[in-house]
Amino acid sequence: MQKKIFITLLLGIVLLFAGCTPETKTEPLPSWHEGEAKQSIMDFVDQVTRRSSPDFVPAAERVAVFDNDGTLWSEQLRRVPIVEAHCG
């Protein structure tokens, strides 16, 4: 019985660590070309996320807004897609 428990625990530990991979640093914004726009964004993110920066913003106060193509959905000539999903 103890051997069965030991094997079960050992198997659980192996499976737990089997999914762990070493942390690798990836290129931020990999699809962006190097240039002023990319560097400005990277500098801004660094300034607001680095605790020693005078521009630091705590994580709870950070807000990010994403859109599809550079325009706000409300600027489109058609109804907002969310409304279409619920009403259409």
C-alpha atoms as a PDB file:
ATOM      1  CA  MET A   1       0.000   0.000   0.000  1.00  0.00           C
ATOM      2  CA  GLN A   2       2.795   2.438   0.895  1.00  0.00           C
ATOM      3  CA  LYS A   3       4.567   1.636  -2.373  1.00  0.00           C
ATOM      4  CA  LYS A   4       1.380   2.527  -4.290  1.00  0.00           C
ATOM      5  CA  ILE A   5       1.104   5.876  -2.482  1.00  0.00           C
ATOM      6  CA  PHE A   6       4.786   6.608  -3.092  1.00  0.00           C
ATOM      7  CA  ILE A   7       4.477   5.844  -6.818  1.00  0.00           C
ATOM      8  CA  THR A   8       1.332   7.992  -7.076  1.00  0.00           C
ATOM      9  CA  LEU A   9       3.046  10.926  -5.353  1.00  0.00           C
ATOM     10  CA  LEU A  10       6.171  10.518  -7.468  1.00  0.00           C
ATOM     11  CA  LEU A  11       4.102  10.422 -10.640  1.00  0.00           C
ATOM     12  CA  GLY A  12       2.221  13.546  -9.520  1.00  0.00           C
ATOM     13  CA  ILE A  13       5.465  15.427  -8.897  1.00  0.00           C
ATOM     14  CA  VAL A  14       6.880  14.376 -12.259  1.00  0.00           C
ATOM     15  CA  LEU A  15       3.714  15.501 -14.055  1.00  0.00           C
ATOM     16  CA  LEU A  16       3.706  18.762 -12.128  1.00  0.00           C
ATOM     17  CA  PHE A  17       7.218  19.662 -13.241  1.00  0.00           C
ATOM     18  CA  ALA A  18       6.901  18.210 -16.739  1.00  0.00           C
ATOM     19  CA  GLY A  19       5.030  21.324 -17.879  1.00  0.00           C
ATOM     20  CA  CYS A  20       7.599  23.717 -16.413  1.00  0.00           C
ATOM     21  CA  THR A  21       9.915  25.312 -18.912  1.00  0.00           C
ATOM     22  CA  PRO A  22      12.755  27.703 -18.230  1.00  0.00           C
ATOM     23  CA  GLU A  23      11.835  31.353 -18.620  1.00  0.00           C
ATOM     24  CA  THR A  24      13.015  32.722 -21.920  1.00  0.00           C
ATOM     25  CA  LYS A  25      13.133  36.369 -22.839  1.00  0.00           C
ATOM     26  CA  THR A  26      11.210  37.105 -26.001  1.00  0.00           C
ATOM     27  CA  GLU A  27      11.415  40.142 -28.230  1.00  0.00           C
ATOM     28  CA  PRO A  28       8.711  42.635 -27.250  1.00  0.00           C
ATOM     29  CA  LEU A  29       6.509  43.686 -30.171  1.00  0.00           C
ATOM     30  CA  PRO A  30       8.148  41.180 -32.547  1.00  0.00           C
ATOM     31  CA  SER A  31       6.034  42.184 -35.549  1.00  0.00           C
ATOM     32  CA  TRP A  32       7.033  45.865 -35.272  1.00  0.00           C
ATOM     33  CA  HIS A  33       9.940  47.279 -37.262  1.00  0.00           C
ATOM     34  CA  GLU A  34      12.663  48.961 -35.236  1.00  0.00           C
ATOM     35  CA  GLY A  35      12.046  52.676 -35.219  1.00  0.00           C
ATOM     36  CA  GLU A  36      10.927  55.735 -33.303  1.00  0.00           C
ATOM     37  CA  ALA A  37       7.341  54.534 -32.701  1.00  0.00           C
ATOM     38  CA  LYS A  38       8.402  51.170 -31.265  1.00  0.00           C
ATOM     39  CA  GLN A  39      11.113  52.764 -29.131  1.00  0.00           C
ATOM     40  CA  SER A  40       8.677  55.388 -27.792  1.00  0.00           C
ATOM     41  CA  ILE A  41       6.241  52.701 -26.708  1.00  0.00           C
ATOM     42  CA  MET A  42       8.993  50.625 -25.111  1.00  0.00           C
ATOM     43  CA  ASP A  43      10.318  53.696 -23.250  1.00  0.00           C
ATOM     44  CA  PHE A  44       6.835  54.623 -22.021  1.00  0.00           C
ATOM     45  CA  VAL A  45       6.128  51.103 -20.737  1.00  0.00           C
ATOM     46  CA  ASP A  46       9.511  51.058 -18.996  1.00  0.00           C
ATOM     47  CA  GLN A  47       8.830  54.423 -17.319  1.00  0.00           C
ATOM     48  CA  VAL A  48       5.402  53.507 -15.966  1.00  0.00           C
ATOM     49  CA  THR A  49       6.284  49.958 -14.847  1.00  0.00           C
ATOM     50  CA  ARG A  50       9.688  50.525 -13.217  1.00  0.00           C
ATOM     51  CA  ARG A  51       9.183  51.147  -9.482  1.00  0.00           C
ATOM     52  CA  SER A  52      12.149  53.531  -9.254  1.00  0.00           C
ATOM     53  CA  SER A  53      10.742  55.772 -12.004  1.00  0.00           C
ATOM     54  CA  PRO A  54       9.021  59.041 -11.040  1.00  0.00           C
ATOM     55  CA  ASP A  55       6.333  58.143 -13.620  1.00  0.00           C
ATOM     56  CA  PHE A  56       5.598  54.719 -12.050  1.00  0.00           C
ATOM     57  CA  VAL A  57       1.924  53.694 -12.145  1.00  0.00           C
ATOM     58  CA  PRO A  58       0.814  50.903  -9.773  1.00  0.00           C
ATOM     59  CA  ALA A  59      -0.632  47.867 -11.581  1.00  0.00           C
ATOM     60  CA  ALA A  60      -4.083  48.409 -10.055  1.00  0.00           C
ATOM     61  CA  GLU A  61      -4.244  51.873 -11.644  1.00  0.00           C
ATOM     62  CA  ARG A  62      -3.127  50.866 -15.144  1.00  0.00           C
ATOM     63  CA  VAL A  63      -5.718  50.805 -17.910  1.00  0.00           C
ATOM     64  CA  ALA A  64      -5.149  49.620 -21.470  1.00  0.00           C
ATOM     65  CA  VAL A  65      -7.512  50.120 -24.395  1.00  0.00           C
ATOM     66  CA  PHE A  66      -7.185  48.063 -27.557  1.00  0.00           C
ATOM     67  CA  ASP A  67      -8.857  48.455 -30.916  1.00  0.00           C
ATOM     68  CA  ASN A  68      -8.760  46.634 -34.244  1.00  0.00           C
ATOM     69  CA  ASP A  69      -7.142  48.979 -36.719  1.00  0.00           C
ATOM     70  CA  GLY A  70      -6.273  52.294 -35.139  1.00  0.00           C
ATOM     71  CA  THR A  71      -9.794  53.696 -35.032  1.00  0.00           C
ATOM     72  CA  LEU A  72     -12.290  53.516 -32.242  1.00  0.00           C
ATOM     73  CA  TRP A  73     -15.273  51.251 -32.864  1.00  0.00           C
ATOM     74  CA  SER A  74     -17.569  54.194 -32.213  1.00  0.00           C
ATOM     75  CA  GLU A  75     -15.930  55.992 -35.183  1.00  0.00           C
ATOM     76  CA  GLN A  76     -17.112  53.320 -37.596  1.00  0.00           C
ATOM     77  CA  LEU A  77     -19.984  54.088 -39.952  1.00  0.00           C
ATOM     78  CA  ARG A  78     -21.788  50.935 -38.872  1.00  0.00           C
ATOM     79  CA  ARG A  79     -23.060  49.776 -35.507  1.00  0.00           C
ATOM     80  CA  VAL A  80     -20.538  48.825 -32.889  1.00  0.00           C
ATOM     81  CA  PRO A  81     -19.661  45.077 -33.340  1.00  0.00           C
ATOM     82  CA  ILE A  82     -20.589  44.255 -29.733  1.00  0.00           C
ATOM     83  CA  VAL A  83     -24.108  45.510 -30.344  1.00  0.00           C
ATOM     84  CA  GLU A  84     -24.290  43.379 -33.498  1.00  0.00           C
ATOM     85  CA  ALA A  85     -23.254  40.302 -31.552  1.00  0.00           C
ATOM     86  CA  HIS A  86     -26.086  40.769 -29.059  1.00  0.00           C
ATOM     87  CA  CYS A  87     -28.791  42.161 -31.344  1.00  0.00           C
ATOM     88  CA  GLY A  88     -27.916  40.779 -34.777  1.00  0.00           C
END
